[in-house]
Amino acid sequence: MSVVRNQRLKVRPRVWIGLAIWVAELLLVLAVQSASGIPYDQWGDSAGNLFLGAGLSLIVSAVLLAITVTLLGWWRPVLHDRERSHHRWPIVFPVVVALAAVMLLAGTDWGAYSGAFLAASLVLCLVGFTEEIVNRGLLIVALRSRLGEGWVWFLSTALFAVSHLVNIALGADAGPTVLQVVFAFATGTTFYILRRVTGSLVWAMLLHALWDFSVFAAGIGKAGDIAAIGNVLETIAGFAAVVFVVFVIRGTHERLASGSSTAASRE
């Protein structure tokens, strides 16, 4: 017997709410990072540059996002899908990304790190919380109020990728940044798959944090050959995920109910 329990939300999910939060978080990060006066390409020069240029904005963003989700009353739909994907095998793509991250860390020149710089770089792990809460959390909940899951995946992932263009305003070169957007779409799809297969955003947060930290770490000093192999593996997994994401979209029942409540689970 199937019984549907309703979860009363404080604020009814709307597409415009998700988009407004996406824009606001992007502008907040841009403002805090710009106020530091440290160009994007100088973040890796010292622990102080890294913390003020990137870490501080992540701390501020994480606090404000936690408050926002609480005020909306969206914690459950943000962190949990009602049902996991019927196809579990696509988890191979995020697993390969995790393996690639380990390879990057294995190839990292840890001798180039000071204790202070390592501490500052660990703050970057907060990106797993902030970017996932916005893009595969709040934005997905908002989009599910009106759209089918195929559009939910595409739009949330595309906006995640496009958000990286803000780096140009911070001093990054346009060419590599545009290429970063393309790769971000592929990697973002693996994070989406991980949410659908596990039914939880938490795993995507952890993988996102691990991947971003490993990429940054491998970029300090002279990385070993195994890091290059890891980058190739991650690229293959990401673009394969885009091809096969349809298998975690088919048969989904995550569309939010009308009104101020949504079916939270089925037994």
Protein backbone atom coordinates (compact mmCIF):
# COMPACT_ATOMS: atom_id res chain seq x y z
CA MET A 1 0.00 0.00 0.00
CA SER A 2 1.35 3.42 -0.94
CA VAL A 3 0.79 6.30 1.43
CA VAL A 4 1.80 9.85 0.54
CA ARG A 5 2.91 12.13 3.33
CA ASN A 6 2.86 15.87 2.69
CA GLN A 7 5.58 18.18 3.84
CA ARG A 8 4.44 21.71 4.54
CA LEU A 9 6.91 24.23 3.15
CA LYS A 10 7.15 27.75 4.53
CA VAL A 11 7.40 29.22 1.03
CA ARG A 12 5.92 27.65 -2.08
CA PRO A 13 8.70 26.81 -4.60
CA ARG A 14 8.70 29.06 -7.64
CA VAL A 15 11.10 29.19 -10.59
CA TRP A 16 11.77 32.89 -10.04
CA ILE A 17 12.85 32.26 -6.44
CA GLY A 18 15.52 29.81 -7.56
CA LEU A 19 16.76 32.14 -10.29
CA ALA A 20 16.81 35.10 -7.91
CA ILE A 21 18.91 33.16 -5.40
CA TRP A 22 21.27 32.02 -8.17
CA VAL A 23 21.83 35.61 -9.31
CA ALA A 24 22.12 36.96 -5.76
CA GLU A 25 24.71 34.36 -4.74
CA LEU A 26 26.74 35.05 -7.88
CA LEU A 27 26.71 38.80 -7.25
CA LEU A 28 27.59 38.27 -3.58
CA VAL A 29 30.63 36.15 -4.41
CA LEU A 30 31.71 38.62 -7.09
CA ALA A 31 31.35 41.55 -4.69
CA VAL A 32 33.29 39.95 -1.83
CA GLN A 33 36.04 38.64 -4.09
CA SER A 34 36.34 41.95 -5.96
CA ALA A 35 36.51 43.86 -2.67
CA SER A 36 39.60 41.86 -1.72
CA GLY A 37 41.48 43.53 -4.57
CA ILE A 38 43.28 40.25 -5.34
CA PRO A 39 43.12 39.19 -9.02
CA TYR A 40 41.99 35.66 -9.83
CA ASP A 41 45.40 34.63 -11.14
CA GLN A 42 47.10 35.67 -7.88
CA TRP A 43 45.01 33.60 -5.45
CA GLY A 44 47.64 30.88 -5.39
CA ASP A 45 50.51 33.24 -4.55
CA SER A 46 50.05 33.07 -0.77
CA ALA A 47 47.78 31.81 2.01
CA GLY A 48 46.52 35.36 2.62
CA ASN A 49 45.66 35.88 -1.06
CA LEU A 50 43.83 32.58 -1.21
CA PHE A 51 41.78 33.20 1.93
CA LEU A 52 40.83 36.79 1.10
CA GLY A 53 40.42 36.19 -2.62
CA ALA A 54 38.31 33.03 -2.44
CA GLY A 55 37.89 31.60 1.06
CA LEU A 56 36.17 34.57 2.68
CA SER A 57 33.47 34.74 0.00
CA LEU A 58 32.75 31.03 0.47
CA ILE A 59 32.33 31.44 4.23
CA VAL A 60 29.95 34.39 3.82
CA SER A 61 28.01 32.60 1.09
CA ALA A 62 27.70 29.37 3.09
CA VAL A 63 26.26 31.19 6.12
CA LEU A 64 23.75 33.21 4.08
CA LEU A 65 22.65 30.18 2.05
CA ALA A 66 22.02 28.15 5.21
CA ILE A 67 19.87 31.00 6.53
CA THR A 68 18.02 31.24 3.20
CA VAL A 69 17.16 27.53 3.06
CA THR A 70 15.96 27.68 6.67
CA LEU A 71 13.73 30.70 6.04
CA LEU A 72 12.22 29.02 2.97
CA GLY A 73 11.75 25.74 4.83
CA TRP A 74 13.23 23.83 1.89
CA TRP A 75 15.88 21.73 3.65
CA ARG A 76 14.27 18.36 2.90
CA PRO A 77 13.62 18.84 -0.85
CA VAL A 78 16.98 20.58 -1.21
CA LEU A 79 18.90 17.70 0.37
CA HIS A 80 16.76 14.71 -0.61
CA ASP A 81 14.90 13.40 -3.65
CA ARG A 82 11.62 11.62 -2.98
CA GLU A 83 12.79 8.59 -4.95
CA ARG A 84 16.19 7.41 -6.11
CA SER A 85 16.85 6.71 -9.77
CA HIS A 86 15.60 3.31 -10.93
CA HIS A 87 18.93 2.85 -12.74
CA ARG A 88 21.84 2.70 -10.31
CA TRP A 89 24.69 1.83 -12.69
CA PRO A 90 25.28 5.48 -13.81
CA ILE A 91 26.97 5.98 -10.43
CA VAL A 92 30.06 4.72 -12.26
CA PHE A 93 30.57 8.25 -13.65
CA PRO A 94 30.84 10.08 -10.29
CA VAL A 95 32.91 7.15 -8.96
CA VAL A 96 35.41 7.71 -11.78
CA VAL A 97 35.48 11.44 -10.93
CA ALA A 98 36.28 10.53 -7.31
CA LEU A 99 39.05 8.21 -8.51
CA ALA A 100 40.40 11.00 -10.73
CA ALA A 101 40.44 13.36 -7.73
CA VAL A 102 42.47 10.83 -5.73
CA MET A 103 44.92 10.59 -8.64
CA LEU A 104 45.31 14.38 -8.71
CA LEU A 105 46.01 14.40 -4.98
CA ALA A 106 48.50 11.56 -5.40
CA GLY A 107 50.29 13.63 -8.04
CA THR A 108 50.25 16.87 -6.05
CA ASP A 109 53.57 18.47 -5.14
CA TRP A 110 52.87 18.62 -1.40
CA GLY A 111 56.35 19.97 -0.76
CA ALA A 112 55.20 23.25 -2.34
CA TYR A 113 52.62 23.67 0.45
CA SER A 114 53.16 25.51 3.70
CA GLY A 115 50.95 24.79 6.70
CA ALA A 116 49.17 28.14 6.37
CA PHE A 117 48.61 27.67 2.65
CA LEU A 118 47.19 24.19 3.19
CA ALA A 119 44.79 25.53 5.83
CA ALA A 120 43.64 28.32 3.50
CA SER A 121 43.18 25.90 0.61
CA LEU A 122 41.03 23.57 2.74
CA VAL A 123 38.52 26.42 3.05
CA LEU A 124 37.93 25.92 -0.68
CA CYS A 125 36.11 22.70 0.19
CA LEU A 126 33.16 24.92 1.13
CA VAL A 127 32.53 25.28 -2.60
CA GLY A 128 31.00 21.81 -2.42
CA PHE A 129 28.36 23.16 -0.05
CA THR A 130 27.72 26.56 -1.60
CA GLU A 131 27.59 25.63 -5.29
CA GLU A 132 25.62 22.43 -4.71
CA ILE A 133 23.08 24.09 -2.40
CA VAL A 134 22.46 26.77 -5.05
CA ASN A 135 22.59 24.77 -8.28
CA ARG A 136 21.56 21.21 -7.43
CA GLY A 137 19.61 22.19 -4.33
CA LEU A 138 17.59 25.40 -4.31
CA LEU A 139 17.56 25.76 -8.09
CA ILE A 140 16.40 22.19 -8.64
CA VAL A 141 13.60 22.58 -6.08
CA ALA A 142 12.47 25.79 -7.80
CA LEU A 143 12.62 24.33 -11.31
CA ARG A 144 10.73 21.21 -10.26
CA SER A 145 7.76 23.41 -9.39
CA ARG A 146 7.06 23.93 -13.11
CA LEU A 147 9.31 21.78 -15.29
CA GLY A 148 9.94 18.16 -16.11
CA GLU A 149 13.11 16.51 -14.87
CA GLY A 150 14.89 16.70 -18.23
CA TRP A 151 14.69 20.49 -18.19
CA VAL A 152 15.55 20.52 -14.49
CA TRP A 153 18.83 18.71 -15.19
CA PHE A 154 19.69 20.79 -18.24
CA LEU A 155 18.90 24.24 -16.84
CA SER A 156 20.40 23.67 -13.38
CA THR A 157 23.58 22.24 -14.93
CA ALA A 158 23.80 24.95 -17.58
CA LEU A 159 23.44 27.72 -14.99
CA PHE A 160 26.09 26.02 -12.84
CA ALA A 161 28.44 26.03 -15.83
CA VAL A 162 27.66 29.62 -16.86
CA SER A 163 28.31 30.87 -13.32
CA HIS A 164 32.02 30.21 -13.92
CA LEU A 165 32.09 33.12 -16.38
CA VAL A 166 32.22 35.42 -13.36
CA ASN A 167 35.91 34.53 -13.13
CA ILE A 168 36.53 36.75 -16.17
CA ALA A 169 35.37 39.77 -14.15
CA LEU A 170 37.88 38.74 -11.46
CA GLY A 171 40.80 38.74 -13.87
CA ALA A 172 40.78 35.27 -15.44
CA ASP A 173 41.54 34.92 -19.16
CA ALA A 174 38.39 34.64 -21.30
CA GLY A 175 39.50 31.71 -23.48
CA PRO A 176 40.35 29.23 -20.71
CA THR A 177 37.28 30.36 -18.74
CA VAL A 178 34.91 29.60 -21.63
CA LEU A 179 36.52 26.16 -21.89
CA GLN A 180 36.03 25.80 -18.14
CA VAL A 181 32.30 26.42 -18.64
CA VAL A 182 32.10 23.51 -21.10
CA PHE A 183 33.89 21.15 -18.72
CA ALA A 184 31.81 22.41 -15.78
CA PHE A 185 28.63 21.35 -17.60
CA ALA A 186 30.01 17.83 -17.96
CA THR A 187 31.26 17.63 -14.36
CA GLY A 188 28.03 19.16 -13.08
CA THR A 189 26.14 16.36 -14.78
CA THR A 190 28.09 13.78 -12.78
CA PHE A 191 27.08 15.62 -9.59
CA TYR A 192 23.43 15.57 -10.73
CA ILE A 193 23.66 11.83 -11.44
CA LEU A 194 25.11 11.27 -7.97
CA ARG A 195 22.15 13.08 -6.41
CA ARG A 196 19.64 11.05 -8.41
CA VAL A 197 21.28 7.67 -7.81
CA THR A 198 21.83 8.15 -4.06
CA GLY A 199 18.74 10.30 -3.49
CA SER A 200 20.85 12.75 -1.50
CA LEU A 201 22.64 16.01 -2.30
CA VAL A 202 25.18 15.38 0.47
CA TRP A 203 27.23 12.96 -1.64
CA ALA A 204 27.36 15.47 -4.49
CA MET A 205 28.56 18.11 -2.02
CA LEU A 206 31.37 15.85 -0.84
CA LEU A 207 32.45 14.87 -4.36
CA HIS A 208 32.32 18.49 -5.54
CA ALA A 209 34.49 19.58 -2.61
CA LEU A 210 36.97 16.76 -3.23
CA TRP A 211 37.24 17.47 -6.95
CA ASP A 212 37.71 21.24 -6.66
CA PHE A 213 40.27 20.85 -3.89
CA SER A 214 42.22 18.23 -5.86
CA VAL A 215 42.29 20.45 -8.97
CA PHE A 216 43.58 23.40 -6.98
CA ALA A 217 46.11 21.29 -5.06
CA ALA A 218 47.54 19.73 -8.23
CA GLY A 219 48.00 23.22 -9.65
CA ILE A 220 50.50 24.20 -6.95
CA GLY A 221 54.10 23.35 -7.69
CA LYS A 222 54.85 20.62 -10.25
CA ALA A 223 52.26 17.85 -10.41
CA GLY A 224 53.21 14.27 -11.26
CA ASP A 225 52.14 12.38 -14.38
CA ILE A 226 49.38 10.58 -12.48
CA ALA A 227 47.58 13.92 -12.07
CA ALA A 228 47.45 14.35 -15.85
CA ILE A 229 45.94 10.88 -16.19
CA GLY A 230 43.36 11.82 -13.55
CA ASN A 231 42.34 14.88 -15.56
CA VAL A 232 41.81 12.74 -18.66
CA LEU A 233 39.71 10.22 -16.74
CA GLU A 234 37.54 12.97 -15.26
CA THR A 235 36.96 14.49 -18.69
CA ILE A 236 35.91 11.14 -20.15
CA ALA A 237 33.57 10.45 -17.21
CA GLY A 238 32.00 13.91 -17.47
CA PHE A 239 31.15 13.77 -21.15
CA ALA A 240 29.99 10.16 -20.88
CA ALA A 241 27.69 11.30 -18.06
CA VAL A 242 26.09 13.86 -20.39
CA VAL A 243 25.36 11.07 -22.89
CA PHE A 244 23.90 8.65 -20.33
CA VAL A 245 22.19 11.06 -17.92
CA VAL A 246 18.88 10.15 -19.56
CA PHE A 247 18.90 6.90 -17.59
CA VAL A 248 18.55 8.72 -14.24
CA ILE A 249 15.95 11.10 -15.67
CA ARG A 250 13.57 8.47 -17.04
CA GLY A 251 10.70 7.58 -14.72
CA THR A 252 11.39 10.32 -12.17
CA HIS A 253 8.56 11.58 -9.99
CA GLU A 254 10.22 14.62 -8.45
CA ARG A 255 7.84 17.26 -9.83
CA LEU A 256 6.62 19.22 -6.81
CA ALA A 257 2.91 19.26 -6.04
CA SER A 258 0.94 22.47 -6.41
CA GLY A 259 0.17 24.53 -3.37
CA SER A 260 2.41 25.07 -0.36
CA SER A 261 3.06 21.40 0.30
CA THR A 262 4.85 18.64 -1.53
CA ALA A 263 4.92 14.89 -1.25
CA ALA A 264 7.96 14.23 0.84
CA SER A 265 8.13 10.45 0.66
CA ARG A 266 6.27 7.29 -0.22
CA GLU A 267 6.01 4.11 1.75
